[in-house]
Amino acid sequence: MKATILIDSLNKFFGWLEKNNHAVANSLQPGLSYQNIEEKVTSLPFQLPQELYELYQWRNGTPEDSKSDNVDFFLNYRFIPLEESIKIRLDILEDDSWIIDSLFPYAWVPIFTFEGEYYGVIGSEKQRYSSPIIYIYHSEAISYISLTTMMQTIAECYQTGAYYLDQNGYYAQKKEDVDNIILKYNPGVIVNSYYGDYHHHPEIIKKSKTLEIINIYSKDRSCLISTEIKDDRNNLRKFIEYLGGRIIRIQTSNIKQESCYSSYVIEERFYSDHDKYESQVIATKKGWFG
């Protein structure tokens, strides 16, 4: 397999595991062949990023029923074998199909998990080299710009002691050091120690009595994080999120509350391809929504 920054970072991290957490290192299954990966992902209606192929050629995760009690690849998160990853997505589609699109991006595939939390990639119609790493637990957020920058971050966190094992052998972290390393490889991603309580001290622009624009910046004002547009005249709300100056998500809402409550929402994501979801709620009993 061709050496890449991703593989180099994974090998650095694996070296730390072999030295400090041998059980986890031993729990990782051998990598898959490119052809084997292609066979496992054939049921997906989109293409997965090349980075994911590199990852699973390197190792194929740790099974949930591993004989080792310690299966945490980094912090509390287990590296999911590819066949299990595909099954998780298919199970969601079969049992709760509305979750894909409405809560999870359409082309989402999980890679790391801990008790219902996931880090995953986003596929696309035409294969790309990378995708953002999306963290999902009730809501979603971009946590790393790519799988490569995620592994660069994790490798450096362990090598510098920002991630470490405490006296009881549990993973721990030095939060501010971790945030600085995250931002080193993933500029523009939200971390509280750098951005501060970024919902406070917004820039409020009054265009008229009924039109208001609210911009949220990082603590040092160098990075625009979000824009909210409130158009009371037309009962419209628009919320825009940015990453590195690029729009990554837009939520547009049309809300009326007169004799009935009506809400029409369009959720658009620009992680890879344009991913759009529309929903409508109508309540005829006055006062249902306060």
Protein backbone atom coordinates (compact mmCIF):
# COMPACT_ATOMS: atom_id res chain seq x y z
CA MET A 1 0.00 0.00 0.00
CA LYS A 2 1.27 3.46 -0.97
CA ALA A 3 2.65 5.53 1.91
CA THR A 4 0.53 8.62 2.62
CA ILE A 5 0.28 11.18 5.41
CA LEU A 6 -2.71 9.22 6.72
CA ILE A 7 -0.80 5.91 6.85
CA ASP A 8 2.25 7.61 8.39
CA SER A 9 0.05 9.11 11.13
CA LEU A 10 -1.69 5.78 11.77
CA ASN A 11 1.67 4.03 12.11
CA LYS A 12 2.90 6.66 14.57
CA PHE A 13 -0.26 6.20 16.64
CA PHE A 14 0.04 2.41 16.41
CA GLY A 15 3.60 2.64 17.72
CA TRP A 16 2.26 4.46 20.78
CA LEU A 17 -0.43 1.78 21.27
CA GLU A 18 2.11 -1.05 21.06
CA LYS A 19 4.18 0.61 23.75
CA ASN A 20 1.44 1.89 26.05
CA ASN A 21 -1.78 -0.04 25.35
CA HIS A 22 -0.78 -3.41 23.96
CA ALA A 23 -4.29 -4.91 24.33
CA VAL A 24 -5.80 -2.39 21.91
CA ALA A 25 -2.95 -2.84 19.43
CA ASN A 26 -3.52 -6.63 19.49
CA SER A 27 -7.31 -6.26 19.12
CA LEU A 28 -7.04 -4.60 15.69
CA GLN A 29 -7.82 -6.95 12.81
CA PRO A 30 -5.52 -7.19 9.76
CA GLY A 31 -6.25 -4.82 6.90
CA LEU A 32 -8.47 -5.71 3.96
CA SER A 33 -7.51 -5.83 0.31
CA TYR A 34 -8.80 -3.10 -1.99
CA GLN A 35 -10.97 -5.67 -3.78
CA ASN A 36 -12.40 -6.92 -0.47
CA ILE A 37 -13.33 -3.36 0.51
CA GLU A 38 -15.04 -2.85 -2.86
CA GLU A 39 -17.10 -6.01 -2.30
CA LYS A 40 -18.21 -4.88 1.17
CA VAL A 41 -19.31 -1.39 0.11
CA THR A 42 -21.08 -2.43 -3.11
CA SER A 43 -24.53 -2.04 -1.50
CA LEU A 44 -23.98 1.66 -0.78
CA PRO A 45 -25.62 4.08 -3.26
CA PHE A 46 -22.61 6.41 -3.22
CA GLN A 47 -18.81 6.35 -3.36
CA LEU A 48 -16.72 6.41 -0.19
CA PRO A 49 -13.61 8.62 0.04
CA GLN A 50 -10.24 7.14 -0.85
CA GLU A 51 -9.01 7.88 2.69
CA LEU A 52 -11.45 5.30 4.02
CA TYR A 53 -9.98 2.69 1.66
CA GLU A 54 -6.50 3.51 3.00
CA LEU A 55 -7.72 3.20 6.59
CA TYR A 56 -9.29 -0.22 6.10
CA GLN A 57 -6.35 -1.52 4.09
CA TRP A 58 -4.22 -0.56 7.09
CA ARG A 59 -6.41 -2.33 9.71
CA ASN A 60 -10.02 -3.52 9.83
CA GLY A 61 -10.98 -2.23 13.25
CA THR A 62 -11.80 -4.10 16.45
CA PRO A 63 -14.90 -6.36 16.63
CA GLU A 64 -17.51 -5.48 19.25
CA ASP A 65 -17.14 -8.99 20.74
CA SER A 66 -13.37 -8.74 21.00
CA LYS A 67 -11.83 -10.98 23.67
CA SER A 68 -10.03 -7.95 25.05
CA ASP A 69 -11.93 -5.72 27.52
CA ASN A 70 -9.92 -2.78 26.24
CA VAL A 71 -11.02 -1.96 22.69
CA ASP A 72 -10.76 1.84 22.73
CA PHE A 73 -8.81 2.94 19.66
CA PHE A 74 -8.59 6.53 20.92
CA LEU A 75 -10.14 7.96 24.08
CA ASN A 76 -13.35 5.90 24.50
CA TYR A 77 -13.96 5.23 20.81
CA ARG A 78 -13.78 1.81 19.16
CA PHE A 79 -12.59 1.50 15.56
CA ILE A 80 -15.52 -0.20 13.77
CA PRO A 81 -14.75 -3.04 11.32
CA LEU A 82 -15.97 -2.19 7.82
CA GLU A 83 -18.65 -4.89 7.60
CA GLU A 84 -20.11 -3.71 10.93
CA SER A 85 -19.97 -0.08 9.79
CA ILE A 86 -22.05 -0.87 6.69
CA LYS A 87 -24.50 -2.91 8.80
CA ILE A 88 -25.01 -0.02 11.25
CA ARG A 89 -26.04 2.24 8.40
CA LEU A 90 -28.30 -0.38 6.80
CA ASP A 91 -29.96 -1.15 10.17
CA ILE A 92 -30.77 2.54 10.62
CA LEU A 93 -32.29 2.67 7.13
CA GLU A 94 -34.42 -0.42 7.81
CA ASP A 95 -35.58 0.49 11.33
CA ASP A 96 -35.66 4.31 11.30
CA SER A 97 -35.20 5.42 7.69
CA TRP A 98 -36.21 9.00 8.54
CA ILE A 99 -33.02 9.42 10.61
CA ILE A 100 -30.90 9.29 7.44
CA ASP A 101 -31.48 12.69 5.77
CA SER A 102 -33.28 14.36 8.68
CA LEU A 103 -30.69 13.79 11.43
CA PHE A 104 -27.72 12.12 9.72
CA PRO A 105 -26.32 13.23 6.34
CA TYR A 106 -27.52 10.97 3.53
CA ALA A 107 -24.10 9.52 2.61
CA TRP A 108 -22.90 9.14 6.22
CA VAL A 109 -20.94 6.01 7.22
CA PRO A 110 -19.63 5.49 10.80
CA ILE A 111 -16.00 4.65 11.59
CA PHE A 112 -15.59 5.13 15.36
CA THR A 113 -18.23 4.62 18.06
CA PHE A 114 -18.89 4.88 21.79
CA GLU A 115 -22.34 4.20 23.31
CA GLY A 116 -24.37 5.76 20.50
CA GLU A 117 -21.83 8.44 19.58
CA TYR A 118 -20.21 8.24 16.16
CA TYR A 119 -17.45 9.74 14.08
CA GLY A 120 -17.98 9.08 10.38
CA VAL A 121 -17.20 10.07 6.80
CA ILE A 122 -19.49 11.38 4.06
CA GLY A 123 -19.65 9.69 0.68
CA SER A 124 -20.40 11.36 -2.66
CA GLU A 125 -21.70 10.55 -6.14
CA LYS A 126 -18.18 10.66 -7.57
CA GLN A 127 -15.34 9.47 -5.38
CA ARG A 128 -13.29 12.12 -3.62
CA TYR A 129 -10.01 11.66 -1.80
CA SER A 130 -11.35 12.90 1.54
CA SER A 131 -14.43 14.10 3.38
CA PRO A 132 -14.99 15.97 6.65
CA ILE A 133 -15.27 13.83 9.78
CA ILE A 134 -18.77 14.29 11.18
CA TYR A 135 -19.44 13.74 14.89
CA ILE A 136 -23.02 12.62 15.57
CA TYR A 137 -24.79 12.35 18.93
CA HIS A 138 -28.33 13.82 18.87
CA SER A 139 -26.95 16.56 16.62
CA GLU A 140 -24.07 16.81 14.17
CA ALA A 141 -20.84 18.79 13.90
CA ILE A 142 -17.67 18.75 11.83
CA SER A 143 -14.90 17.66 14.17
CA TYR A 144 -12.00 17.25 11.72
CA ILE A 145 -11.43 18.47 8.18
CA SER A 146 -10.56 14.95 6.98
CA LEU A 147 -9.60 11.48 8.17
CA THR A 148 -5.96 12.41 7.55
CA THR A 149 -6.11 15.51 9.77
CA MET A 150 -8.00 13.48 12.40
CA MET A 151 -5.19 10.90 12.57
CA GLN A 152 -2.51 13.60 12.51
CA THR A 153 -4.28 15.17 15.48
CA ILE A 154 -4.65 11.92 17.42
CA ALA A 155 -1.04 10.83 16.76
CA GLU A 156 0.33 14.15 18.00
CA CYS A 157 -1.98 14.17 21.02
CA TYR A 158 -0.57 10.83 22.16
CA GLN A 159 3.03 11.61 21.28
CA THR A 160 2.96 14.91 23.22
CA GLY A 161 0.98 13.60 26.21
CA ALA A 162 -2.16 15.63 25.46
CA TYR A 163 -3.89 12.22 25.47
CA TYR A 164 -2.57 9.84 28.10
CA LEU A 165 -3.43 6.90 30.35
CA ASP A 166 -4.17 7.83 33.97
CA GLN A 167 -3.00 5.83 37.00
CA ASN A 168 -5.97 3.47 36.61
CA GLY A 169 -5.21 2.82 32.95
CA TYR A 170 -8.09 4.92 31.59
CA TYR A 171 -7.75 7.43 28.76
CA ALA A 172 -7.54 11.06 29.86
CA GLN A 173 -6.72 14.33 28.14
CA LYS A 174 -5.36 17.83 28.68
CA LYS A 175 -8.23 19.69 27.05
CA GLU A 176 -6.54 22.97 26.11
CA ASP A 177 -3.50 21.15 24.69
CA VAL A 178 -5.83 18.89 22.69
CA ASP A 179 -7.77 21.87 21.33
CA ASN A 180 -4.57 23.59 20.20
CA ILE A 181 -3.50 20.45 18.34
CA ILE A 182 -6.95 20.06 16.76
CA LEU A 183 -6.76 23.63 15.46
CA LYS A 184 -3.20 23.13 14.22
CA TYR A 185 -4.46 20.53 11.73
CA ASN A 186 -8.12 21.60 11.48
CA PRO A 187 -8.35 25.41 11.44
CA GLY A 188 -11.89 26.71 11.78
CA VAL A 189 -13.31 23.67 13.61
CA ILE A 190 -15.16 24.64 16.80
CA VAL A 191 -13.22 24.09 20.04
CA ASN A 192 -14.39 26.05 23.09
CA SER A 193 -11.00 26.86 24.60
CA TYR A 194 -10.07 28.76 21.43
CA TYR A 195 -13.42 30.21 20.44
CA GLY A 196 -14.53 30.87 24.00
CA ASP A 197 -18.25 30.99 24.69
CA TYR A 198 -18.80 31.90 21.06
CA HIS A 199 -22.59 32.32 21.35
CA HIS A 200 -22.02 35.47 23.43
CA HIS A 201 -21.01 38.90 22.11
CA PRO A 202 -22.49 38.50 18.61
CA GLU A 203 -22.37 41.14 15.89
CA ILE A 204 -25.98 42.31 15.43
CA ILE A 205 -26.86 44.20 12.26
CA LYS A 206 -30.30 45.83 12.15
CA LYS A 207 -31.34 46.20 8.52
CA SER A 208 -34.88 47.34 9.43
CA LYS A 209 -37.49 46.88 12.15
CA THR A 210 -38.25 43.41 10.81
CA LEU A 211 -34.88 42.29 9.40
CA GLU A 212 -31.88 41.42 11.58
CA ILE A 213 -28.55 39.69 10.86
CA ILE A 214 -26.52 38.08 13.65
CA ASN A 215 -22.89 37.07 13.00
CA ILE A 216 -20.93 34.88 15.40
CA TYR A 217 -17.11 35.06 15.29
CA SER A 218 -14.28 33.29 17.06
CA LYS A 219 -12.94 34.85 20.24
CA ASP A 220 -10.19 36.71 18.37
CA ARG A 221 -12.69 37.79 15.65
CA SER A 222 -10.56 36.14 12.95
CA CYS A 223 -13.08 33.48 11.93
CA LEU A 224 -16.78 33.77 11.02
CA ILE A 225 -18.56 30.77 12.53
CA SER A 226 -22.22 31.38 11.70
CA THR A 227 -24.78 33.86 10.40
CA GLU A 228 -28.44 34.00 11.43
CA ILE A 229 -30.93 36.03 9.39
CA LYS A 230 -34.25 36.91 11.03
CA ASP A 231 -36.88 38.19 8.61
CA ASP A 232 -40.03 38.74 10.71
CA ARG A 233 -41.94 40.36 7.86
CA ASN A 234 -41.86 37.11 5.87
CA ASN A 235 -41.72 34.73 8.89
CA LEU A 236 -38.34 33.47 7.69
CA ARG A 237 -35.24 32.32 9.56
CA LYS A 238 -31.96 31.32 7.91
CA PHE A 239 -29.00 29.86 9.78
CA ILE A 240 -25.66 29.48 7.95
CA GLU A 241 -22.57 27.64 9.26
CA TYR A 242 -19.05 28.12 7.91
CA LEU A 243 -15.77 26.24 7.99
CA GLY A 244 -12.63 27.96 6.75
CA GLY A 245 -14.69 30.63 5.00
CA ARG A 246 -16.78 28.00 3.16
CA ILE A 247 -20.50 27.43 3.75
CA ILE A 248 -21.05 23.92 5.10
CA ARG A 249 -24.69 24.00 6.26
CA ILE A 250 -27.80 26.14 5.71
CA GLN A 251 -31.09 25.77 7.57
CA THR A 252 -34.04 27.77 6.25
CA SER A 253 -37.28 27.92 8.25
CA ASN A 254 -40.69 29.41 7.48
CA ILE A 255 -42.72 29.59 10.70
CA LYS A 256 -46.24 30.89 11.19
CA GLN A 257 -48.30 30.87 14.37
CA GLU A 258 -51.74 32.33 13.78
CA SER A 259 -54.89 30.21 14.04
CA CYS A 260 -52.59 27.22 13.58
CA TYR A 261 -48.86 26.50 13.79
CA SER A 262 -47.04 25.81 10.54
CA SER A 263 -43.33 25.10 10.17
CA TYR A 264 -41.52 24.38 6.90
CA VAL A 265 -37.80 23.63 7.20
CA ILE A 266 -35.11 23.02 4.56
CA GLU A 267 -31.82 21.57 5.79
CA GLU A 268 -28.95 21.78 3.28
CA ARG A 269 -25.44 20.39 3.78
CA PHE A 270 -22.38 20.95 1.63
CA TYR A 271 -19.98 18.46 3.23
CA SER A 272 -19.38 16.62 -0.06
CA ASP A 273 -22.29 16.74 -2.51
CA HIS A 274 -25.31 18.98 -1.94
CA ASP A 275 -27.45 17.11 0.63
CA LYS A 276 -30.98 18.51 1.08
CA TYR A 277 -33.82 17.54 3.43
CA GLU A 278 -37.25 19.19 3.69
CA SER A 279 -39.83 18.78 6.45
CA GLN A 280 -43.19 20.30 7.33
CA VAL A 281 -45.16 20.36 10.59
CA ILE A 282 -48.72 21.68 10.90
CA ALA A 283 -50.64 21.84 14.16
CA THR A 284 -54.29 22.96 14.05
CA LYS A 285 -54.80 23.34 17.79
CA LYS A 286 -53.87 26.86 18.85
CA GLY A 287 -51.20 27.04 21.53
CA TRP A 288 -49.70 23.57 21.01
CA PHE A 289 -46.26 25.03 20.53
CA GLY A 290 -46.41 27.70 23.27
